[in-house]
Amino acid sequence: GGANLDSFNVSISPKSCVEAGLDINADTMKWWFGQETAVQSEVLSNA
């Protein structure tokens, strides 16, 4: 019926996650840095 239900999308500061006690892993960071530049920019750098 033409209804438009919005999606949800939010970027989160890694610093605030670490301050809350969440984990950042070196291997995962290495994986991120191996992704395409556009992905790094849109997701990691934006966060």
All heavy atoms as atom14 arrays in JSON, in Angstrom:
{
  "sequence": "GGANLDSFNVSISPKSCVEAGLDINADTMKWWFGQETAVQSEVLSNA",
  "atom14_mask": [
    [1, 1, 1, 1, 0, 0, 0, 0, 0, 0, 0, 0, 0, 0],
    [1, 1, 1, 1, 0, 0, 0, 0, 0, 0, 0, 0, 0, 0],
    [1, 1, 1, 1, 1, 0, 0, 0, 0, 0, 0, 0, 0, 0],
    [1, 1, 1, 1, 1, 1, 1, 1, 0, 0, 0, 0, 0, 0],
    [1, 1, 1, 1, 1, 1, 1, 1, 0, 0, 0, 0, 0, 0],
    [1, 1, 1, 1, 1, 1, 1, 1, 0, 0, 0, 0, 0, 0],
    [1, 1, 1, 1, 1, 1, 0, 0, 0, 0, 0, 0, 0, 0],
    [1, 1, 1, 1, 1, 1, 1, 1, 1, 1, 1, 0, 0, 0],
    [1, 1, 1, 1, 1, 1, 1, 1, 0, 0, 0, 0, 0, 0],
    [1, 1, 1, 1, 1, 1, 1, 0, 0, 0, 0, 0, 0, 0],
    [1, 1, 1, 1, 1, 1, 0, 0, 0, 0, 0, 0, 0, 0],
    [1, 1, 1, 1, 1, 1, 1, 1, 0, 0, 0, 0, 0, 0],
    [1, 1, 1, 1, 1, 1, 0, 0, 0, 0, 0, 0, 0, 0],
    [1, 1, 1, 1, 1, 1, 1, 0, 0, 0, 0, 0, 0, 0],
    [1, 1, 1, 1, 1, 1, 1, 1, 1, 0, 0, 0, 0, 0],
    [1, 1, 1, 1, 1, 1, 0, 0, 0, 0, 0, 0, 0, 0],
    [1, 1, 1, 1, 1, 1, 0, 0, 0, 0, 0, 0, 0, 0],
    [1, 1, 1, 1, 1, 1, 1, 0, 0, 0, 0, 0, 0, 0],
    [1, 1, 1, 1, 1, 1, 1, 1, 1, 0, 0, 0, 0, 0],
    [1, 1, 1, 1, 1, 0, 0, 0, 0, 0, 0, 0, 0, 0],
    [1, 1, 1, 1, 0, 0, 0, 0, 0, 0, 0, 0, 0, 0],
    [1, 1, 1, 1, 1, 1, 1, 1, 0, 0, 0, 0, 0, 0],
    [1, 1, 1, 1, 1, 1, 1, 1, 0, 0, 0, 0, 0, 0],
    [1, 1, 1, 1, 1, 1, 1, 1, 0, 0, 0, 0, 0, 0],
    [1, 1, 1, 1, 1, 1, 1, 1, 0, 0, 0, 0, 0, 0],
    [1, 1, 1, 1, 1, 0, 0, 0, 0, 0, 0, 0, 0, 0],
    [1, 1, 1, 1, 1, 1, 1, 1, 0, 0, 0, 0, 0, 0],
    [1, 1, 1, 1, 1, 1, 1, 0, 0, 0, 0, 0, 0, 0],
    [1, 1, 1, 1, 1, 1, 1, 1, 0, 0, 0, 0, 0, 0],
    [1, 1, 1, 1, 1, 1, 1, 1, 1, 0, 0, 0, 0, 0],
    [1, 1, 1, 1, 1, 1, 1, 1, 1, 1, 1, 1, 1, 1],
    [1, 1, 1, 1, 1, 1, 1, 1, 1, 1, 1, 1, 1, 1],
    [1, 1, 1, 1, 1, 1, 1, 1, 1, 1, 1, 0, 0, 0],
    [1, 1, 1, 1, 0, 0, 0, 0, 0, 0, 0, 0, 0, 0],
    [1, 1, 1, 1, 1, 1, 1, 1, 1, 0, 0, 0, 0, 0],
    [1, 1, 1, 1, 1, 1, 1, 1, 1, 0, 0, 0, 0, 0],
    [1, 1, 1, 1, 1, 1, 1, 0, 0, 0, 0, 0, 0, 0],
    [1, 1, 1, 1, 1, 0, 0, 0, 0, 0, 0, 0, 0, 0],
    [1, 1, 1, 1, 1, 1, 1, 0, 0, 0, 0, 0, 0, 0],
    [1, 1, 1, 1, 1, 1, 1, 1, 1, 0, 0, 0, 0, 0],
    [1, 1, 1, 1, 1, 1, 0, 0, 0, 0, 0, 0, 0, 0],
    [1, 1, 1, 1, 1, 1, 1, 1, 1, 0, 0, 0, 0, 0],
    [1, 1, 1, 1, 1, 1, 1, 0, 0, 0, 0, 0, 0, 0],
    [1, 1, 1, 1, 1, 1, 1, 1, 0, 0, 0, 0, 0, 0],
    [1, 1, 1, 1, 1, 1, 0, 0, 0, 0, 0, 0, 0, 0],
    [1, 1, 1, 1, 1, 1, 1, 1, 0, 0, 0, 0, 0, 0],
    [1, 1, 1, 1, 1, 0, 0, 0, 0, 0, 0, 0, 0, 0]
  ],
  "atom14_positions": [
    [[0.79, -1.22, 0.0], [0.0, 0.0, 0.0], [0.83, 1.27, 0.0], [0.37, 2.32, 0.43], [0.0, 0.0, 0.0], [0.0, 0.0, 0.0], [0.0, 0.0, 0.0], [0.0, 0.0, 0.0], [0.0, 0.0, 0.0], [0.0, 0.0, 0.0], [0.0, 0.0, 0.0], [0.0, 0.0, 0.0], [0.0, 0.0, 0.0], [0.0, 0.0, 0.0]],
    [[2.04, 1.2, -0.49], [2.88, 2.38, -0.55], [3.58, 2.74, 0.74], [4.28, 3.74, 0.84], [0.0, 0.0, 0.0], [0.0, 0.0, 0.0], [0.0, 0.0, 0.0], [0.0, 0.0, 0.0], [0.0, 0.0, 0.0], [0.0, 0.0, 0.0], [0.0, 0.0, 0.0], [0.0, 0.0, 0.0], [0.0, 0.0, 0.0], [0.0, 0.0, 0.0]],
    [[3.38, 1.93, 1.79], [4.02, 2.23, 3.07], [5.53, 2.11, 2.95], [6.04, 1.19, 2.34], [3.51, 1.27, 4.14], [0.0, 0.0, 0.0], [0.0, 0.0, 0.0], [0.0, 0.0, 0.0], [0.0, 0.0, 0.0], [0.0, 0.0, 0.0], [0.0, 0.0, 0.0], [0.0, 0.0, 0.0], [0.0, 0.0, 0.0], [0.0, 0.0, 0.0]],
    [[6.23, 3.07, 3.53], [7.69, 3.08, 3.48], [8.24, 2.97, 4.89], [8.13, 3.89, 5.67], [8.18, 4.36, 2.81], [9.7, 4.44, 2.78], [10.37, 3.42, 2.77], [10.22, 5.64, 2.76], [0.0, 0.0, 0.0], [0.0, 0.0, 0.0], [0.0, 0.0, 0.0], [0.0, 0.0, 0.0], [0.0, 0.0, 0.0], [0.0, 0.0, 0.0]],
    [[8.8, 1.82, 5.2], [9.34, 1.59, 6.54], [10.85, 1.71, 6.47], [11.51, 0.99, 5.74], [8.94, 0.21, 7.03], [9.22, -0.07, 8.51], [8.33, 0.8, 9.38], [8.97, -1.53, 8.81], [0.0, 0.0, 0.0], [0.0, 0.0, 0.0], [0.0, 0.0, 0.0], [0.0, 0.0, 0.0], [0.0, 0.0, 0.0], [0.0, 0.0, 0.0]],
    [[11.4, 2.64, 7.23], [12.83, 2.92, 7.14], [13.67, 1.8, 7.71], [13.29, 1.12, 8.66], [13.17, 4.21, 7.9], [12.64, 5.45, 7.2], [12.3, 5.34, 6.01], [12.58, 6.5, 7.84], [0.0, 0.0, 0.0], [0.0, 0.0, 0.0], [0.0, 0.0, 0.0], [0.0, 0.0, 0.0], [0.0, 0.0, 0.0], [0.0, 0.0, 0.0]],
    [[14.84, 1.62, 7.12], [15.85, 0.75, 7.69], [16.58, 1.5, 8.8], [16.36, 2.69, 9.02], [16.83, 0.3, 6.61], [17.44, 1.42, 5.99], [0.0, 0.0, 0.0], [0.0, 0.0, 0.0], [0.0, 0.0, 0.0], [0.0, 0.0, 0.0], [0.0, 0.0, 0.0], [0.0, 0.0, 0.0], [0.0, 0.0, 0.0], [0.0, 0.0, 0.0]],
    [[17.46, 0.79, 9.48], [18.23, 1.38, 10.58], [19.7, 1.22, 10.29], [20.16, 0.16, 9.84], [17.88, 0.67, 11.89], [18.65, 1.19, 13.08], [18.14, 2.21, 13.86], [19.88, 0.65, 13.42], [18.85, 2.7, 14.95], [20.6, 1.12, 14.51], [20.08, 2.14, 15.27], [0.0, 0.0, 0.0], [0.0, 0.0, 0.0], [0.0, 0.0, 0.0]],
    [[20.47, 2.27, 10.55], [21.91, 2.21, 10.34], [22.6, 3.22, 11.24], [22.25, 4.4, 11.23], [22.24, 2.5, 8.87], [23.72, 2.32, 8.56], [24.39, 1.48, 9.16], [24.22, 3.1, 7.63], [0.0, 0.0, 0.0], [0.0, 0.0, 0.0], [0.0, 0.0, 0.0], [0.0, 0.0, 0.0], [0.0, 0.0, 0.0], [0.0, 0.0, 0.0]],
    [[23.57, 2.76, 12.04], [24.29, 3.67, 12.91], [25.74, 3.22, 13.02], [26.04, 2.03, 13.13], [23.63, 3.76, 14.31], [23.71, 2.44, 15.05], [24.27, 4.87, 15.14], [0.0, 0.0, 0.0], [0.0, 0.0, 0.0], [0.0, 0.0, 0.0], [0.0, 0.0, 0.0], [0.0, 0.0, 0.0], [0.0, 0.0, 0.0], [0.0, 0.0, 0.0]],
    [[26.65, 4.18, 12.96], [28.07, 3.93, 13.2], [28.38, 4.23, 14.67], [27.81, 5.14, 15.26], [28.93, 4.83, 12.3], [28.79, 4.46, 10.94], [0.0, 0.0, 0.0], [0.0, 0.0, 0.0], [0.0, 0.0, 0.0], [0.0, 0.0, 0.0], [0.0, 0.0, 0.0], [0.0, 0.0, 0.0], [0.0, 0.0, 0.0], [0.0, 0.0, 0.0]],
    [[29.31, 3.46, 15.22], [29.61, 3.56, 16.65], [31.1, 3.79, 16.85], [31.94, 3.14, 16.21], [29.18, 2.28, 17.38], [27.68, 2.03, 17.16], [29.48, 2.37, 18.87], [27.2, 0.7, 17.65], [0.0, 0.0, 0.0], [0.0, 0.0, 0.0], [0.0, 0.0, 0.0], [0.0, 0.0, 0.0], [0.0, 0.0, 0.0], [0.0, 0.0, 0.0]],
    [[31.41, 4.69, 17.74], [32.8, 5.02, 18.05], [33.52, 3.84, 18.7], [33.09, 3.36, 19.75], [32.84, 6.23, 19.0], [34.08, 6.33, 19.63], [0.0, 0.0, 0.0], [0.0, 0.0, 0.0], [0.0, 0.0, 0.0], [0.0, 0.0, 0.0], [0.0, 0.0, 0.0], [0.0, 0.0, 0.0], [0.0, 0.0, 0.0], [0.0, 0.0, 0.0]],
    [[34.63, 3.38, 18.11], [35.39, 2.31, 18.76], [35.91, 2.72, 20.14], [35.98, 1.89, 21.05], [36.56, 2.06, 17.78], [36.1, 2.59, 16.47], [35.19, 3.74, 16.8], [0.0, 0.0, 0.0], [0.0, 0.0, 0.0], [0.0, 0.0, 0.0], [0.0, 0.0, 0.0], [0.0, 0.0, 0.0], [0.0, 0.0, 0.0], [0.0, 0.0, 0.0]],
    [[36.23, 3.98, 20.28], [36.73, 4.48, 21.57], [35.69, 4.27, 22.67], [36.01, 3.83, 23.78], [37.09, 5.96, 21.46], [37.64, 6.58, 22.74], [38.08, 8.02, 22.48], [38.67, 8.66, 23.73], [37.65, 8.9, 24.76], [0.0, 0.0, 0.0], [0.0, 0.0, 0.0], [0.0, 0.0, 0.0], [0.0, 0.0, 0.0], [0.0, 0.0, 0.0]],
    [[34.43, 4.56, 22.36], [33.38, 4.39, 23.37], [33.16, 2.91, 23.69], [32.8, 2.56, 24.81], [32.07, 5.02, 22.88], [31.48, 4.28, 21.82], [0.0, 0.0, 0.0], [0.0, 0.0, 0.0], [0.0, 0.0, 0.0], [0.0, 0.0, 0.0], [0.0, 0.0, 0.0], [0.0, 0.0, 0.0], [0.0, 0.0, 0.0], [0.0, 0.0, 0.0]],
    [[33.41, 2.04, 22.71], [33.29, 0.6, 22.96], [34.38, 0.12, 23.91], [34.12, -0.65, 24.84], [33.37, -0.17, 21.64], [31.94, 0.04, 20.56], [0.0, 0.0, 0.0], [0.0, 0.0, 0.0], [0.0, 0.0, 0.0], [0.0, 0.0, 0.0], [0.0, 0.0, 0.0], [0.0, 0.0, 0.0], [0.0, 0.0, 0.0], [0.0, 0.0, 0.0]],
    [[35.6, 0.58, 23.66], [36.72, 0.19, 24.52], [36.5, 0.72, 25.94], [36.75, 0.02, 26.93], [38.05, 0.7, 23.94], [39.19, 0.49, 24.93], [38.36, 0.01, 22.62], [0.0, 0.0, 0.0], [0.0, 0.0, 0.0], [0.0, 0.0, 0.0], [0.0, 0.0, 0.0], [0.0, 0.0, 0.0], [0.0, 0.0, 0.0], [0.0, 0.0, 0.0]],
    [[36.01, 1.93, 26.04], [35.74, 2.51, 27.36], [34.69, 1.72, 28.11], [34.68, 1.68, 29.35], [35.31, 3.97, 27.2], [36.44, 4.89, 26.76], [35.98, 6.29, 26.45], [34.73, 6.5, 26.33], [36.83, 7.19, 26.31], [0.0, 0.0, 0.0], [0.0, 0.0, 0.0], [0.0, 0.0, 0.0], [0.0, 0.0, 0.0], [0.0, 0.0, 0.0]],
    [[33.79, 1.06, 27.36], [32.75, 0.24, 27.99], [33.25, -1.17, 28.31], [32.53, -1.95, 28.94], [31.52, 0.17, 27.1], [0.0, 0.0, 0.0], [0.0, 0.0, 0.0], [0.0, 0.0, 0.0], [0.0, 0.0, 0.0], [0.0, 0.0, 0.0], [0.0, 0.0, 0.0], [0.0, 0.0, 0.0], [0.0, 0.0, 0.0], [0.0, 0.0, 0.0]],
    [[34.46, -1.5, 27.86], [35.03, -2.8, 28.16], [34.95, -3.82, 27.04], [35.26, -5.0, 27.25], [0.0, 0.0, 0.0], [0.0, 0.0, 0.0], [0.0, 0.0, 0.0], [0.0, 0.0, 0.0], [0.0, 0.0, 0.0], [0.0, 0.0, 0.0], [0.0, 0.0, 0.0], [0.0, 0.0, 0.0], [0.0, 0.0, 0.0], [0.0, 0.0, 0.0]],
    [[34.56, -3.38, 25.83], [34.49, -4.29, 24.69], [35.86, -4.47, 24.06], [36.77, -3.65, 24.24], [33.46, -3.79, 23.67], [32.02, -3.72, 24.2], [31.08, -3.15, 23.16], [31.53, -5.09, 24.66], [0.0, 0.0, 0.0], [0.0, 0.0, 0.0], [0.0, 0.0, 0.0], [0.0, 0.0, 0.0], [0.0, 0.0, 0.0], [0.0, 0.0, 0.0]],
    [[36.01, -5.52, 23.27], [37.32, -5.98, 22.8], [37.64, -5.54, 21.38], [36.77, -5.55, 20.51], [37.38, -7.51, 22.88], [38.71, -8.07, 22.43], [39.71, -7.81, 23.11], [38.75, -8.77, 21.39], [0.0, 0.0, 0.0], [0.0, 0.0, 0.0], [0.0, 0.0, 0.0], [0.0, 0.0, 0.0], [0.0, 0.0, 0.0], [0.0, 0.0, 0.0]],
    [[38.89, -5.15, 21.15], [39.43, -4.95, 19.81], [40.58, -5.92, 19.63], [41.49, -5.98, 20.46], [39.91, -3.5, 19.59], [38.71, -2.54, 19.61], [40.65, -3.37, 18.26], [39.09, -1.09, 19.4], [0.0, 0.0, 0.0], [0.0, 0.0, 0.0], [0.0, 0.0, 0.0], [0.0, 0.0, 0.0], [0.0, 0.0, 0.0], [0.0, 0.0, 0.0]],
    [[40.54, -6.68, 18.54], [41.51, -7.74, 18.31], [42.44, -7.38, 17.15], [41.99, -6.9, 16.11], [40.76, -9.04, 18.0], [41.67, -10.2, 17.7], [42.04, -10.41, 16.56], [42.04, -10.93, 18.73], [0.0, 0.0, 0.0], [0.0, 0.0, 0.0], [0.0, 0.0, 0.0], [0.0, 0.0, 0.0], [0.0, 0.0, 0.0], [0.0, 0.0, 0.0]],
    [[43.74, -7.62, 17.34], [44.73, -7.23, 16.33], [44.51, -7.96, 15.01], [44.64, -7.36, 13.93], [46.14, -7.52, 16.86], [0.0, 0.0, 0.0], [0.0, 0.0, 0.0], [0.0, 0.0, 0.0], [0.0, 0.0, 0.0], [0.0, 0.0, 0.0], [0.0, 0.0, 0.0], [0.0, 0.0, 0.0], [0.0, 0.0, 0.0], [0.0, 0.0, 0.0]],
    [[44.15, -9.24, 15.06], [43.93, -9.99, 13.82], [42.73, -9.45, 13.05], [42.74, -9.39, 11.81], [43.71, -11.48, 14.14], [44.98, -12.17, 14.59], [46.08, -11.65, 14.28], [44.89, -13.22, 15.25], [0.0, 0.0, 0.0], [0.0, 0.0, 0.0], [0.0, 0.0, 0.0], [0.0, 0.0, 0.0], [0.0, 0.0, 0.0], [0.0, 0.0, 0.0]],
    [[41.7, -9.06, 13.78], [40.52, -8.49, 13.12], [40.84, -7.14, 12.51], [40.38, -6.82, 11.4], [39.35, -8.36, 14.11], [39.11, -9.63, 14.72], [38.08, -7.91, 13.4], [0.0, 0.0, 0.0], [0.0, 0.0, 0.0], [0.0, 0.0, 0.0], [0.0, 0.0, 0.0], [0.0, 0.0, 0.0], [0.0, 0.0, 0.0], [0.0, 0.0, 0.0]],
    [[41.62, -6.33, 13.19], [42.04, -5.04, 12.63], [42.87, -5.26, 11.37], [42.7, -4.54, 10.38], [42.85, -4.25, 13.66], [42.03, -3.77, 14.86], [40.66, -2.68, 14.38], [41.54, -1.34, 13.57], [0.0, 0.0, 0.0], [0.0, 0.0, 0.0], [0.0, 0.0, 0.0], [0.0, 0.0, 0.0], [0.0, 0.0, 0.0], [0.0, 0.0, 0.0]],
    [[43.74, -6.25, 11.39], [44.53, -6.57, 10.19], [43.61, -6.96, 9.04], [43.83, -6.59, 7.89], [45.51, -7.7, 10.52], [46.42, -8.09, 9.36], [47.38, -9.2, 9.77], [48.28, -9.6, 8.6], [49.21, -10.69, 8.99], [0.0, 0.0, 0.0], [0.0, 0.0, 0.0], [0.0, 0.0, 0.0], [0.0, 0.0, 0.0], [0.0, 0.0, 0.0]],
    [[42.56, -7.74, 9.36], [41.59, -8.12, 8.34], [40.9, -6.89, 7.75], [40.75, -6.77, 6.53], [40.56, -9.07, 8.94], [39.47, -9.48, 7.99], [39.49, -10.53, 7.13], [38.21, -8.82, 7.79], [38.33, -10.58, 6.41], [37.53, -9.55, 6.8], [37.61, -7.71, 8.37], [36.26, -9.18, 6.35], [36.35, -7.34, 7.92], [35.68, -8.08, 6.95]],
    [[40.49, -5.95, 8.61], [39.84, -4.73, 8.13], [40.76, -3.95, 7.2], [40.34, -3.46, 6.15], [39.42, -3.85, 9.31], [38.06, -4.17, 9.83], [37.75, -4.77, 11.02], [36.81, -3.9, 9.2], [36.4, -4.9, 11.16], [35.79, -4.38, 10.06], [36.44, -3.32, 7.99], [34.44, -4.28, 9.74], [35.09, -3.21, 7.68], [34.11, -3.69, 8.54]],
    [[42.02, -3.83, 7.57], [42.96, -3.06, 6.75], [43.26, -3.76, 5.42], [43.81, -3.14, 4.51], [44.26, -2.81, 7.53], [44.1, -1.85, 8.66], [44.62, -2.13, 9.91], [43.4, -0.66, 8.49], [44.46, -1.25, 10.97], [43.22, 0.23, 9.54], [43.77, -0.07, 10.79], [0.0, 0.0, 0.0], [0.0, 0.0, 0.0], [0.0, 0.0, 0.0]],
    [[42.88, -5.03, 5.31], [43.03, -5.74, 4.06], [41.83, -5.64, 3.14], [41.87, -6.15, 2.01], [0.0, 0.0, 0.0], [0.0, 0.0, 0.0], [0.0, 0.0, 0.0], [0.0, 0.0, 0.0], [0.0, 0.0, 0.0], [0.0, 0.0, 0.0], [0.0, 0.0, 0.0], [0.0, 0.0, 0.0], [0.0, 0.0, 0.0], [0.0, 0.0, 0.0]],
    [[40.77, -4.99, 3.6], [39.57, -4.82, 2.79], [39.74, -3.68, 1.78], [40.69, -2.9, 1.85], [38.35, -4.56, 3.68], [38.08, -5.67, 4.67], [37.95, -7.03, 4.01], [37.11, -7.25, 3.15], [38.82, -7.96, 4.41], [0.0, 0.0, 0.0], [0.0, 0.0, 0.0], [0.0, 0.0, 0.0], [0.0, 0.0, 0.0], [0.0, 0.0, 0.0]],
    [[38.83, -3.61, 0.85], [38.88, -2.54, -0.16], [38.85, -1.18, 0.51], [38.25, -0.99, 1.56], [37.7, -2.67, -1.13], [37.71, -3.96, -1.95], [36.51, -4.05, -2.87], [35.7, -3.1, -2.89], [36.38, -5.07, -3.57], [0.0, 0.0, 0.0], [0.0, 0.0, 0.0], [0.0, 0.0, 0.0], [0.0, 0.0, 0.0], [0.0, 0.0, 0.0]],
    [[39.51, -0.22, -0.14], [39.6, 1.13, 0.42], [38.23, 1.72, 0.69], [38.0, 2.38, 1.71], [40.38, 2.04, -0.53], [41.68, 1.48, -0.76], [40.53, 3.45, 0.06], [0.0, 0.0, 0.0], [0.0, 0.0, 0.0], [0.0, 0.0, 0.0], [0.0, 0.0, 0.0], [0.0, 0.0, 0.0], [0.0, 0.0, 0.0], [0.0, 0.0, 0.0]],
    [[37.28, 1.49, -0.23], [35.93, 2.05, -0.06], [35.26, 1.49, 1.19], [34.57, 2.21, 1.91], [35.09, 1.74, -1.29], [0.0, 0.0, 0.0], [0.0, 0.0, 0.0], [0.0, 0.0, 0.0], [0.0, 0.0, 0.0], [0.0, 0.0, 0.0], [0.0, 0.0, 0.0], [0.0, 0.0, 0.0], [0.0, 0.0, 0.0], [0.0, 0.0, 0.0]],
    [[35.47, 0.21, 1.46], [34.88, -0.42, 2.65], [35.51, 0.17, 3.91], [34.8, 0.5, 4.87], [35.07, -1.95, 2.62], [34.58, -2.57, 3.91], [34.35, -2.54, 1.42], [0.0, 0.0, 0.0], [0.0, 0.0, 0.0], [0.0, 0.0, 0.0], [0.0, 0.0, 0.0], [0.0, 0.0, 0.0], [0.0, 0.0, 0.0], [0.0, 0.0, 0.0]],
    [[36.82, 0.31, 3.9], [37.5, 0.9, 5.06], [36.98, 2.31, 5.32], [36.75, 2.7, 6.46], [39.0, 0.96, 4.82], [39.68, -0.39, 4.79], [41.19, -0.26, 4.72], [41.78, 0.6, 5.34], [41.81, -1.13, 3.93], [0.0, 0.0, 0.0], [0.0, 0.0, 0.0], [0.0, 0.0, 0.0], [0.0, 0.0, 0.0], [0.0, 0.0, 0.0]],
    [[36.77, 3.08, 4.24], [36.33, 4.46, 4.39], [34.9, 4.54, 4.91], [34.59, 5.3, 5.83], [36.44, 5.19, 3.05], [35.94, 6.51, 3.14], [0.0, 0.0, 0.0], [0.0, 0.0, 0.0], [0.0, 0.0, 0.0], [0.0, 0.0, 0.0], [0.0, 0.0, 0.0], [0.0, 0.0, 0.0], [0.0, 0.0, 0.0], [0.0, 0.0, 0.0]],
    [[34.01, 3.73, 4.32], [32.6, 3.81, 4.65], [32.28, 3.25, 6.02], [31.36, 3.71, 6.69], [31.77, 3.07, 3.59], [31.69, 3.77, 2.25], [30.99, 5.11, 2.33], [30.0, 5.23, 3.08], [31.45, 6.05, 1.65], [0.0, 0.0, 0.0], [0.0, 0.0, 0.0], [0.0, 0.0, 0.0], [0.0, 0.0, 0.0], [0.0, 0.0, 0.0]],
    [[33.02, 2.25, 6.46], [32.69, 1.57, 7.71], [33.69, 1.92, 8.82], [33.33, 2.54, 9.82], [32.64, 0.05, 7.51], [32.27, -0.64, 8.82], [31.64, -0.31, 6.42], [0.0, 0.0, 0.0], [0.0, 0.0, 0.0], [0.0, 0.0, 0.0], [0.0, 0.0, 0.0], [0.0, 0.0, 0.0], [0.0, 0.0, 0.0], [0.0, 0.0, 0.0]],
    [[34.95, 1.56, 8.62], [35.93, 1.72, 9.69], [36.27, 3.18, 9.95], [36.17, 3.68, 11.08], [37.19, 0.93, 9.35], [38.3, 0.92, 10.41], [37.78, 0.38, 11.73], [39.48, 0.09, 9.92], [0.0, 0.0, 0.0], [0.0, 0.0, 0.0], [0.0, 0.0, 0.0], [0.0, 0.0, 0.0], [0.0, 0.0, 0.0], [0.0, 0.0, 0.0]],
    [[36.66, 3.9, 8.9], [37.04, 5.31, 9.08], [35.87, 6.14, 9.56], [36.03, 7.04, 10.39], [37.59, 5.87, 7.76], [38.75, 5.19, 7.36], [0.0, 0.0, 0.0], [0.0, 0.0, 0.0], [0.0, 0.0, 0.0], [0.0, 0.0, 0.0], [0.0, 0.0, 0.0], [0.0, 0.0, 0.0], [0.0, 0.0, 0.0], [0.0, 0.0, 0.0]],
    [[34.67, 5.83, 9.05], [33.49, 6.57, 9.46], [33.19, 6.36, 10.94], [32.83, 7.3, 11.65], [32.29, 6.13, 8.62], [31.09, 7.03, 8.8], [31.19, 8.24, 8.74], [29.94, 6.42, 9.04], [0.0, 0.0, 0.0], [0.0, 0.0, 0.0], [0.0, 0.0, 0.0], [0.0, 0.0, 0.0], [0.0, 0.0, 0.0], [0.0, 0.0, 0.0]],
    [[33.38, 5.12, 11.41], [33.15, 4.85, 12.83], [34.15, 5.59, 13.7], [33.79, 6.15, 14.75], [33.25, 3.34, 13.09], [0.0, 0.0, 0.0], [0.0, 0.0, 0.0], [0.0, 0.0, 0.0], [0.0, 0.0, 0.0], [0.0, 0.0, 0.0], [0.0, 0.0, 0.0], [0.0, 0.0, 0.0], [0.0, 0.0, 0.0], [0.0, 0.0, 0.0]]
  ]
}
